[in-house]
Protein backbone atom coordinates (compact mmCIF):
# COMPACT_ATOMS: atom_id res chain seq x y z
CA UNK A 1 -4.04 22.70 -10.33
CA UNK A 2 -3.34 21.00 -7.00
CA UNK A 3 -0.04 21.93 -5.35
CA UNK A 4 1.59 18.81 -3.92
CA UNK A 5 4.37 18.27 -1.37
CA UNK A 6 6.13 14.97 -0.75
CA UNK A 7 7.58 14.41 2.72
CA UNK A 8 10.50 12.00 2.90
CA UNK A 9 11.26 12.26 -0.80
CA UNK A 10 14.51 10.26 -0.88
CA UNK A 11 13.04 6.73 -0.87
CA UNK A 12 11.87 4.24 -3.47
CA UNK A 13 8.16 4.92 -2.98
CA UNK A 14 8.80 8.66 -3.25
CA UNK A 15 10.58 8.45 -6.60
CA UNK A 16 7.82 6.20 -7.94
CA UNK A 17 5.28 8.73 -6.70
CA UNK A 18 7.12 11.62 -8.34
CA UNK A 19 7.23 9.80 -11.69
CA UNK A 20 3.47 9.20 -11.58
CA UNK A 21 2.65 12.76 -10.50
CA UNK A 22 4.86 14.30 -13.21
CA UNK A 23 2.42 12.96 -15.79
CA UNK A 24 -0.67 14.05 -13.83
CA UNK A 25 -2.32 16.98 -15.65
CA UNK A 26 -3.84 18.40 -12.46
CA UNK A 27 -0.74 18.34 -10.22
CA UNK A 28 2.16 20.69 -9.60
CA UNK A 29 4.90 19.30 -7.33
CA UNK A 30 5.96 22.27 -5.23
CA UNK A 31 7.98 20.86 -2.32
CA UNK A 32 10.14 17.84 -1.49
CA UNK A 33 11.41 17.28 2.04
CA UNK A 34 14.16 15.25 3.66
CA UNK A 35 15.69 14.91 7.09
CA UNK A 36 19.15 14.47 5.56
CA UNK A 37 21.89 17.08 5.79
CA UNK A 38 22.04 19.76 3.10
CA UNK A 39 19.58 20.50 0.32
CA UNK A 40 20.40 18.06 -2.50
CA UNK A 41 18.82 18.52 -5.91
CA UNK A 42 16.26 15.83 -6.64
CA UNK A 43 18.35 14.62 -9.58
CA UNK A 44 21.27 13.98 -7.23
CA UNK A 45 19.09 11.63 -5.15
CA UNK A 46 17.09 10.19 -8.06
CA UNK A 47 19.14 10.50 -11.28
CA UNK A 48 16.23 9.26 -13.40
CA UNK A 49 14.49 12.57 -12.66
CA UNK A 50 17.25 14.72 -14.20
CA UNK A 51 15.71 17.32 -16.47
CA UNK A 52 12.20 16.40 -15.36
CA UNK A 53 11.86 18.21 -12.03
CA UNK A 54 13.88 21.18 -10.80
CA UNK A 55 13.48 21.04 -7.03
CA UNK A 56 15.76 20.54 -4.04
CA UNK A 57 15.00 18.29 -1.10
CA UNK A 58 14.73 20.56 1.94
CA UNK A 59 14.33 20.05 5.67
CA UNK A 60 11.13 22.07 5.90
CA UNK A 61 8.90 22.61 8.90
CA UNK A 62 5.16 22.01 8.40
CA UNK A 63 4.44 25.77 8.32
CA UNK A 64 6.76 26.17 5.33
CA UNK A 65 5.21 23.19 3.53
CA UNK A 66 1.67 24.45 4.14
CA UNK A 67 2.53 27.71 2.39
CA UNK A 68 3.46 25.76 -0.74
CA UNK A 69 1.02 22.84 -0.86
CA UNK A 70 -2.66 21.91 -0.86
CA UNK A 71 -2.00 18.19 -0.47
CA UNK A 72 0.80 16.27 1.26
CA UNK A 73 1.98 12.76 0.47
CA UNK A 74 3.69 11.67 3.68
CA UNK A 75 6.42 9.06 3.07
CA UNK A 76 7.88 9.36 6.56
CA UNK A 77 8.50 6.34 8.82
CA UNK A 78 6.02 5.07 11.40
CA UNK A 79 5.53 7.44 14.36
CA UNK A 80 7.44 10.23 12.59
CA UNK A 81 4.48 10.55 10.25
CA UNK A 82 1.73 10.89 12.86
CA UNK A 83 3.89 13.38 14.74
CA UNK A 84 3.43 15.95 11.95
CA UNK A 85 0.19 14.93 10.21
CA UNK A 86 -2.04 16.64 12.78
CA UNK A 87 -0.45 20.01 12.06
CA UNK A 88 -1.10 19.71 8.34
CA UNK A 89 -4.71 18.74 8.94
CA UNK A 90 -5.22 21.77 11.19
CA UNK A 91 -4.22 24.00 8.26
CA UNK A 92 -6.80 22.35 5.97
CA UNK A 93 -4.24 20.43 3.93
CA UNK A 94 -5.23 16.99 2.66
CA UNK A 95 -2.86 14.17 3.62
CA UNK A 96 -2.19 10.72 2.18
CA UNK A 97 -0.04 8.87 4.72
CA UNK A 98 2.21 6.00 3.62
CA UNK A 99 3.09 4.82 7.12
CA UNK A 100 1.15 2.39 9.33
CA UNK A 101 0.26 5.12 11.82
CA UNK A 102 -3.42 5.37 10.83
CA UNK A 103 -4.13 1.96 9.29
CA UNK A 104 -5.08 0.03 12.42
CA UNK A 105 -8.30 0.12 14.42
CA UNK A 106 -6.92 0.73 17.92
CA UNK A 107 -3.92 2.17 19.74
CA UNK A 108 -3.29 -1.00 21.74
CA UNK A 109 -2.70 -3.07 18.60
CA UNK A 110 -0.45 -0.34 17.20
CA UNK A 111 1.64 -0.31 20.39
CA UNK A 112 1.87 -4.12 20.48
CA UNK A 113 3.18 -4.38 16.92
CA UNK A 114 5.01 -1.08 16.39
CA UNK A 115 6.04 -0.19 19.94
CA UNK A 116 5.97 3.15 21.73
CA UNK A 117 3.16 5.63 22.22
CA UNK A 118 1.12 6.75 19.24
CA UNK A 119 1.66 10.49 18.57
CA UNK A 120 -1.95 11.09 17.42
CA UNK A 121 -4.10 8.49 19.22
CA UNK A 122 -7.48 10.21 18.87
CA UNK A 123 -7.51 9.62 15.10
CA UNK A 124 -6.61 5.93 15.24
CA UNK A 125 -9.54 3.85 14.04
CA UNK A 126 -11.26 6.85 12.48
CA UNK A 127 -9.23 7.25 9.27
CA UNK A 128 -10.28 6.03 5.83
CA UNK A 129 -8.26 3.03 4.70
CA UNK A 130 -6.91 3.76 1.23
CA UNK A 131 -8.00 0.68 -0.66
CA UNK A 132 -10.49 2.18 -3.14
CA UNK A 133 -11.82 -1.18 -4.27
CA UNK A 134 -13.30 -1.69 -0.78
CA UNK A 135 -13.57 1.77 0.81
CA UNK A 136 -14.17 4.19 -2.06
CA UNK A 137 -16.99 6.14 -0.38
CA UNK A 138 -14.97 6.85 2.76
CA UNK A 139 -11.92 7.95 0.74
CA UNK A 140 -13.86 10.43 -1.39
CA UNK A 141 -14.95 12.44 1.65
CA UNK A 142 -11.71 12.28 3.64
CA UNK A 143 -9.06 14.84 4.48
CA UNK A 144 -6.69 12.10 5.70
CA UNK A 145 -6.27 8.69 4.08
CA UNK A 146 -4.12 5.82 5.36
CA UNK A 147 -2.38 4.28 2.39
CA UNK A 148 -2.41 0.45 2.75
CA UNK A 149 0.57 -1.78 3.32
CA UNK A 150 1.74 -3.64 0.23
CA UNK A 151 1.29 -7.16 1.65
CA UNK A 152 -2.21 -6.39 3.00
CA UNK A 153 -3.16 -5.01 -0.43
CA UNK A 154 -2.22 -8.28 -2.13
CA UNK A 155 -3.94 -10.42 0.52
CA UNK A 156 -7.04 -8.41 1.35
CA UNK A 157 -8.10 -7.78 -2.25
CA UNK A 158 -8.55 -11.53 -2.68
CA UNK A 159 -9.72 -12.49 0.79
CA UNK A 160 -12.27 -9.72 1.38
CA UNK A 161 -14.75 -10.70 -1.35
CA UNK A 162 -14.30 -14.43 -0.77
CA UNK A 163 -15.13 -13.94 2.92
CA UNK A 164 -17.84 -11.32 2.40
CA UNK A 165 -19.64 -13.58 -0.08
CA UNK A 166 -19.38 -16.59 2.24
CA UNK A 167 -17.19 -18.59 -0.12
CA UNK A 168 -14.38 -19.53 2.30
CA UNK A 169 -14.10 -20.24 6.02
CA UNK A 170 -12.54 -17.49 8.15
CA UNK A 171 -10.27 -19.81 10.10
CA UNK A 172 -7.11 -21.61 8.98
CA UNK A 173 -6.30 -19.00 6.32
CA UNK A 174 -2.65 -19.02 5.26
CA UNK A 175 -1.06 -16.18 3.29
CA UNK A 176 2.35 -17.00 1.81
CA UNK A 177 3.91 -13.97 0.10
CA UNK A 178 7.07 -13.46 -1.95
CA UNK A 179 8.44 -9.94 -2.37
CA UNK A 180 11.27 -8.12 -4.09
CA UNK A 181 14.10 -6.39 -2.26
CA UNK A 182 12.69 -2.87 -2.74
CA UNK A 183 10.05 -3.83 -0.18
CA UNK A 184 12.71 -3.29 2.52
CA UNK A 185 13.28 0.34 1.51
CA UNK A 186 16.39 2.22 0.43
CA UNK A 187 18.22 2.32 3.75
CA UNK A 188 21.08 -0.25 3.63
CA UNK A 189 20.52 -3.43 5.66
CA UNK A 190 22.57 -6.61 5.92
CA UNK A 191 19.70 -8.83 4.74
CA UNK A 192 19.23 -6.77 1.56
CA UNK A 193 22.97 -6.40 0.84
CA UNK A 194 23.56 -7.89 -2.63
CA UNK A 195 25.82 -10.82 -1.57
CA UNK A 196 23.33 -11.75 1.15
CA UNK A 197 20.09 -11.77 -0.86
CA UNK A 198 21.19 -12.60 -4.41
CA UNK A 199 20.58 -16.22 -5.44
CA UNK A 200 18.71 -16.81 -2.18
CA UNK A 201 15.13 -16.95 -0.92
CA UNK A 202 14.39 -16.56 2.77
CA UNK A 203 11.41 -16.18 5.08
CA UNK A 204 11.46 -13.35 7.59
CA UNK A 205 9.47 -12.02 10.55
CA UNK A 206 7.64 -15.34 10.79
CA UNK A 207 4.64 -14.97 13.08
CA UNK A 208 5.46 -11.37 13.91
CA UNK A 209 5.28 -9.38 10.70
CA UNK A 210 3.57 -6.03 11.34
CA UNK A 211 1.18 -6.44 8.43
CA UNK A 212 -0.53 -9.40 10.13
CA UNK A 213 -2.91 -7.35 12.31
CA UNK A 214 -3.59 -5.02 9.40
CA UNK A 215 -4.82 -7.92 7.27
CA UNK A 216 -7.09 -9.21 10.06
CA UNK A 217 -8.47 -5.78 11.02
CA UNK A 218 -9.19 -4.59 7.49
CA UNK A 219 -11.03 -7.81 6.67
CA UNK A 220 -13.07 -7.33 9.84
CA UNK A 221 -13.72 -3.68 8.97
CA UNK A 222 -14.98 -4.56 5.49
CA UNK A 223 -16.58 -7.97 5.87
CA UNK A 224 -17.46 -7.97 9.58
CA UNK A 225 -15.69 -11.31 9.99
CA UNK A 226 -13.01 -12.21 12.53
CA UNK A 227 -9.91 -13.90 11.12
CA UNK A 228 -6.52 -14.93 12.44
CA UNK A 229 -4.52 -15.16 9.26
CA UNK A 230 -1.14 -16.92 9.32
CA UNK A 231 1.01 -14.60 7.23
CA UNK A 232 4.57 -15.43 6.18
CA UNK A 233 6.61 -13.12 3.90
CA UNK A 234 9.63 -14.27 1.88
CA UNK A 235 12.39 -12.16 0.35
CA UNK A 236 13.29 -13.13 -3.22
CA UNK A 237 16.17 -11.76 -5.32
CA UNK A 238 14.27 -9.38 -7.59
CA UNK A 239 13.82 -5.62 -7.47
CA UNK A 240 10.05 -5.37 -7.07
CA UNK A 241 6.78 -7.23 -7.02
CA UNK A 242 4.65 -9.32 -4.66
CA UNK A 243 3.10 -12.70 -5.34
CA UNK A 244 0.80 -13.97 -2.61
CA UNK A 245 -0.46 -17.55 -2.49
CA UNK A 246 -3.45 -17.90 -0.16
CA UNK A 247 -4.85 -21.16 1.21
CA UNK A 248 -8.35 -21.44 2.68
CA UNK A 249 -11.09 -23.99 3.37
CA UNK A 250 -14.15 -23.64 1.12
CA UNK A 251 -17.51 -22.83 2.67
CA UNK A 252 -19.51 -23.91 -0.39
CA UNK A 253 -19.19 -26.47 -3.14
CA UNK A 254 -18.49 -23.78 -5.75
CA UNK A 255 -15.98 -24.81 -8.42
CA UNK A 256 -13.16 -22.78 -9.89
CA UNK A 257 -15.25 -21.17 -12.64
CA UNK A 258 -17.93 -20.15 -10.15
CA UNK A 259 -15.35 -18.60 -7.81
CA UNK A 260 -13.74 -16.70 -10.68
CA UNK A 261 -17.12 -15.43 -11.81
CA UNK A 262 -17.92 -14.25 -8.28
CA UNK A 263 -14.65 -12.33 -8.16
CA UNK A 264 -15.19 -10.83 -11.61
CA UNK A 265 -18.66 -9.68 -10.62
CA UNK A 266 -17.38 -8.21 -7.34
CA UNK A 267 -14.66 -6.21 -9.08
CA UNK A 268 -16.65 -5.35 -12.20
CA UNK A 269 -16.29 -1.61 -11.54
CA UNK A 270 -12.73 -1.74 -10.19
CA UNK A 271 -10.40 -0.49 -12.96
CA UNK A 272 -7.21 -1.85 -11.38
CA UNK A 273 -8.27 -5.39 -10.48
CA UNK A 274 -7.90 -8.05 -13.15
CA UNK A 275 -9.39 -11.47 -12.43
CA UNK A 276 -7.48 -13.76 -14.77
CA UNK A 277 -7.71 -17.41 -15.80
CA UNK A 278 -3.95 -18.00 -15.85
CA UNK A 279 -1.58 -18.06 -12.88
CA UNK A 280 -0.30 -14.48 -12.52
CA UNK A 281 3.39 -13.62 -12.30
CA UNK A 282 5.14 -10.52 -10.94
CA UNK A 283 6.16 -9.49 -14.46
CA UNK A 284 2.46 -9.21 -15.34
CA UNK A 285 1.97 -6.25 -13.01
CA UNK A 286 5.51 -4.80 -13.05
CA UNK A 287 5.38 -0.99 -13.07
CA UNK A 288 1.57 -0.93 -13.09
CA UNK A 289 -1.25 -0.20 -10.65
CA UNK A 290 -2.98 -3.50 -11.37
CA UNK A 291 -3.69 -6.36 -9.03
CA UNK A 292 -4.01 -9.65 -10.91
CA UNK A 293 -5.75 -12.53 -9.15
CA UNK A 294 -7.09 -15.99 -9.75
CA UNK A 295 -8.25 -19.07 -7.81
CA UNK A 296 -7.86 -22.82 -7.99
CA UNK A 297 -9.41 -25.75 -6.13
CA UNK A 298 -6.72 -28.18 -4.96
CA UNK A 299 -7.61 -31.29 -2.92
CA UNK A 300 -10.68 -29.68 -1.48
CA UNK A 301 -8.98 -26.39 -0.64
CA UNK A 302 -9.28 -22.95 -2.23
CA UNK A 303 -5.87 -21.72 -3.39
CA UNK A 304 -5.91 -18.09 -4.46
CA UNK A 305 -3.15 -16.06 -6.11
CA UNK A 306 -2.64 -12.31 -6.05
CA UNK A 307 0.07 -10.34 -7.79
CA UNK A 308 1.00 -6.62 -7.52
CA UNK A 309 3.93 -4.27 -7.95
CA UNK A 310 4.81 -3.36 -4.36
CA UNK A 311 5.97 0.15 -5.32
CA UNK A 312 2.89 1.01 -7.41
CA UNK A 313 -0.34 -0.74 -6.39
CA UNK A 314 1.38 -1.55 -3.09
CA UNK A 315 2.34 2.08 -2.41
CA UNK A 316 2.59 5.08 -4.75
CA UNK A 317 0.05 4.06 -7.37
CA UNK A 318 -2.54 3.42 -4.68
CA UNK A 319 -1.72 6.82 -3.17
CA UNK A 320 -2.41 8.58 -6.48
CA UNK A 321 -5.57 6.53 -6.92
CA UNK A 322 -6.67 7.82 -3.51
CA UNK A 323 -5.61 11.37 -4.41
CA UNK A 324 -7.77 11.25 -7.53
CA UNK A 325 -10.81 10.17 -5.53
CA UNK A 326 -10.22 12.82 -2.85
CA UNK A 327 -10.14 15.58 -5.48
CA UNK A 328 -12.86 14.31 -7.78
CA UNK A 329 -10.54 13.44 -10.67
CA UNK A 330 -11.01 10.28 -12.76
CA UNK A 331 -9.73 7.39 -10.63
CA UNK A 332 -7.37 6.22 -13.37
CA UNK A 333 -5.80 9.63 -14.10
CA UNK A 334 -2.01 9.35 -14.63
CA UNK A 335 -2.13 5.66 -13.73
């Protein structure tokens, strides 16, 4: 039985993680942390967990967490995460980090897009990226795994094989993504206030969304190809889900059926990727760890579609998938 602690347990990704881990036969949740005042019971923060987990959220120092846990899921914000991860690693604890602190290849890019000085610069660029479909071997042997961003998951899972197999050109790639409001987290913000976002769709962070360099760098890391993806996210009035529509120039004369077959062959051993004939919708992957994808040829362009649940495959489900690989459990366990 693996003893698990969850840092920053008050958010949406944390409660999704807890629900998945509660059905994991090899896990015991032993600690939940928060930086909030007091020590609220988990059911007071997440009422859906009443009667399912009897723990309080505590403001624990790493030394206290280490005494209770073998593995830490770190749901802390950027910079705050890297500030404590090193201490857990020094004690031999395995860490799955939800922040962007270890996803990128270099400190300069991190500083440009996230600001400030990285708290743990020597590890940047040397951490396994937690997308098992592309980096399974690195994840299996890692003590620290950087859980992917939700938008990069939806984009990279489609783009990586198409680029690696030489099916699309690396330039002029456009990623247009729609996401539910939970993507913005639980902390109240004006843009996610109900009267502001209900019955409205809006683009945000155009040309400066922090997931842009992650998409480019992870494609380069996997496929060895330089890209400069134009990524534009949109907020839509639904709770959860991401639908990405991706436009690219073809590099071959392959038709739709050939492209679909190439994707199916590439992901033949990936239990959570479904290459489908129909156009996927967010309801298709709601609450699941699946990524559904398909492709079309439209006026000489490749148009690809990718659909995930941002809280599961885009966050907590991927984290448990990584956890299973790190501990030698079946990849699909509890998912």
